[in-house]
Amino acid sequence: MLGIFGTVLPSFLLNTAISRIGPQATSSTASFGPVITIVLAVLVLGEAFTWIHAMGTALVLLGSWLFARLESQNRRKPT
């Protein structure tokens, strides 16, 4: 079961997402996976939220913001 839910299903969902919304949008939304994992670990498992989690979350959010900013700048440039 772990192999199916941990490997096969995510691979299938990733390929489906790429076919539906494209690779750029898929990669930007996929970067939130670790943040969601942290939130679920804290809420469901009662794990401690440490400064390392905060730093990782901040880096993911910063990277997503930079990616979105660069994408919008590239769209505005005339070709």
C-alpha atoms as a PDB file:
ATOM      1  CA  MET A   1       0.000   0.000   0.000  1.00  0.00           C
ATOM      2  CA  LEU A   2       2.819   2.397   0.806  1.00  0.00           C
ATOM      3  CA  GLY A   3       4.267   1.894  -2.660  1.00  0.00           C
ATOM      4  CA  ILE A   4       0.955   2.668  -4.295  1.00  0.00           C
ATOM      5  CA  PHE A   5       0.142   5.772  -2.246  1.00  0.00           C
ATOM      6  CA  GLY A   6       3.725   6.997  -1.940  1.00  0.00           C
ATOM      7  CA  THR A   7       4.996   6.431  -5.472  1.00  0.00           C
ATOM      8  CA  VAL A   8       2.436   5.327  -8.047  1.00  0.00           C
ATOM      9  CA  LEU A   9      -0.416   7.677  -7.153  1.00  0.00           C
ATOM     10  CA  PRO A  10       1.750  10.833  -6.888  1.00  0.00           C
ATOM     11  CA  SER A  11       3.406  10.031 -10.230  1.00  0.00           C
ATOM     12  CA  PHE A  12       0.012   9.563 -11.860  1.00  0.00           C
ATOM     13  CA  LEU A  13      -1.318  12.797 -10.346  1.00  0.00           C
ATOM     14  CA  LEU A  14       1.788  14.734 -11.413  1.00  0.00           C
ATOM     15  CA  ASN A  15       1.471  13.555 -15.004  1.00  0.00           C
ATOM     16  CA  THR A  16      -2.227  14.390 -15.010  1.00  0.00           C
ATOM     17  CA  ALA A  17      -1.498  17.878 -13.676  1.00  0.00           C
ATOM     18  CA  ILE A  18       1.146  18.482 -16.338  1.00  0.00           C
ATOM     19  CA  SER A  19      -1.267  17.477 -19.082  1.00  0.00           C
ATOM     20  CA  ARG A  20      -4.048  19.701 -17.696  1.00  0.00           C
ATOM     21  CA  ILE A  21      -2.316  22.903 -16.529  1.00  0.00           C
ATOM     22  CA  GLY A  22       1.153  22.660 -18.075  1.00  0.00           C
ATOM     23  CA  PRO A  23       4.612  22.075 -16.629  1.00  0.00           C
ATOM     24  CA  GLN A  24       5.240  25.610 -15.344  1.00  0.00           C
ATOM     25  CA  ALA A  25       2.078  25.820 -13.273  1.00  0.00           C
ATOM     26  CA  THR A  26       2.565  22.257 -12.053  1.00  0.00           C
ATOM     27  CA  SER A  27       6.103  22.936 -10.844  1.00  0.00           C
ATOM     28  CA  SER A  28       5.088  26.086  -9.008  1.00  0.00           C
ATOM     29  CA  THR A  29       2.227  24.367  -7.202  1.00  0.00           C
ATOM     30  CA  ALA A  30       4.278  21.246  -6.487  1.00  0.00           C
ATOM     31  CA  SER A  31       6.754  23.327  -4.512  1.00  0.00           C
ATOM     32  CA  PHE A  32       4.114  23.711  -1.790  1.00  0.00           C
ATOM     33  CA  GLY A  33       4.260  19.990  -0.977  1.00  0.00           C
ATOM     34  CA  PRO A  34       6.837  20.367   1.820  1.00  0.00           C
ATOM     35  CA  VAL A  35       4.881  23.258   3.351  1.00  0.00           C
ATOM     36  CA  ILE A  36       1.691  21.183   3.383  1.00  0.00           C
ATOM     37  CA  THR A  37       3.650  18.305   4.928  1.00  0.00           C
ATOM     38  CA  ILE A  38       4.889  20.597   7.710  1.00  0.00           C
ATOM     39  CA  VAL A  39       1.378  21.886   8.415  1.00  0.00           C
ATOM     40  CA  LEU A  40      -0.074  18.368   8.530  1.00  0.00           C
ATOM     41  CA  ALA A  41       2.761  17.129  10.765  1.00  0.00           C
ATOM     42  CA  VAL A  42       2.128  19.940  13.234  1.00  0.00           C
ATOM     43  CA  LEU A  43      -1.676  19.681  13.207  1.00  0.00           C
ATOM     44  CA  VAL A  44      -2.197  15.935  12.889  1.00  0.00           C
ATOM     45  CA  LEU A  45       0.882  14.440  14.510  1.00  0.00           C
ATOM     46  CA  GLY A  46       1.527  17.155  17.070  1.00  0.00           C
ATOM     47  CA  GLU A  47       5.091  17.728  15.847  1.00  0.00           C
ATOM     48  CA  ALA A  48       6.919  20.810  17.048  1.00  0.00           C
ATOM     49  CA  PHE A  49       7.222  23.716  14.603  1.00  0.00           C
ATOM     50  CA  THR A  50      10.878  24.739  14.766  1.00  0.00           C
ATOM     51  CA  TRP A  51      12.915  27.528  13.245  1.00  0.00           C
ATOM     52  CA  ILE A  52      14.118  25.103  10.574  1.00  0.00           C
ATOM     53  CA  HIS A  53      10.504  24.552   9.488  1.00  0.00           C
ATOM     54  CA  ALA A  54       9.941  28.303   9.453  1.00  0.00           C
ATOM     55  CA  MET A  55      13.077  28.836   7.366  1.00  0.00           C
ATOM     56  CA  GLY A  56      12.070  26.126   4.890  1.00  0.00           C
ATOM     57  CA  THR A  57       8.568  27.536   4.589  1.00  0.00           C
ATOM     58  CA  ALA A  58       9.949  31.037   4.032  1.00  0.00           C
ATOM     59  CA  LEU A  59      12.304  29.765   1.313  1.00  0.00           C
ATOM     60  CA  VAL A  60       9.490  27.945  -0.486  1.00  0.00           C
ATOM     61  CA  LEU A  61       7.255  31.019  -0.357  1.00  0.00           C
ATOM     62  CA  LEU A  62      10.097  33.275  -1.514  1.00  0.00           C
ATOM     63  CA  GLY A  63      10.921  30.945  -4.394  1.00  0.00           C
ATOM     64  CA  SER A  64       7.289  30.775  -5.483  1.00  0.00           C
ATOM     65  CA  TRP A  65       6.974  34.552  -5.318  1.00  0.00           C
ATOM     66  CA  LEU A  66      10.149  35.040  -7.366  1.00  0.00           C
ATOM     67  CA  PHE A  67       8.982  32.483  -9.920  1.00  0.00           C
ATOM     68  CA  ALA A  68       5.594  34.205 -10.295  1.00  0.00           C
ATOM     69  CA  ARG A  69       7.262  37.607 -10.561  1.00  0.00           C
ATOM     70  CA  LEU A  70       9.643  36.471 -13.289  1.00  0.00           C
ATOM     71  CA  GLU A  71       6.801  34.806 -15.163  1.00  0.00           C
ATOM     72  CA  SER A  72       4.713  37.987 -15.129  1.00  0.00           C
ATOM     73  CA  GLN A  73       7.695  40.050 -16.295  1.00  0.00           C
ATOM     74  CA  ASN A  74       8.333  37.619 -19.147  1.00  0.00           C
ATOM     75  CA  ARG A  75       4.700  37.839 -20.240  1.00  0.00           C
ATOM     76  CA  ARG A  76       4.830  41.637 -20.413  1.00  0.00           C
ATOM     77  CA  LYS A  77       7.941  41.717 -22.619  1.00  0.00           C
ATOM     78  CA  PRO A  78       7.148  42.082 -26.299  1.00  0.00           C
ATOM     79  CA  THR A  79       8.484  39.258 -28.443  1.00  0.00           C
END
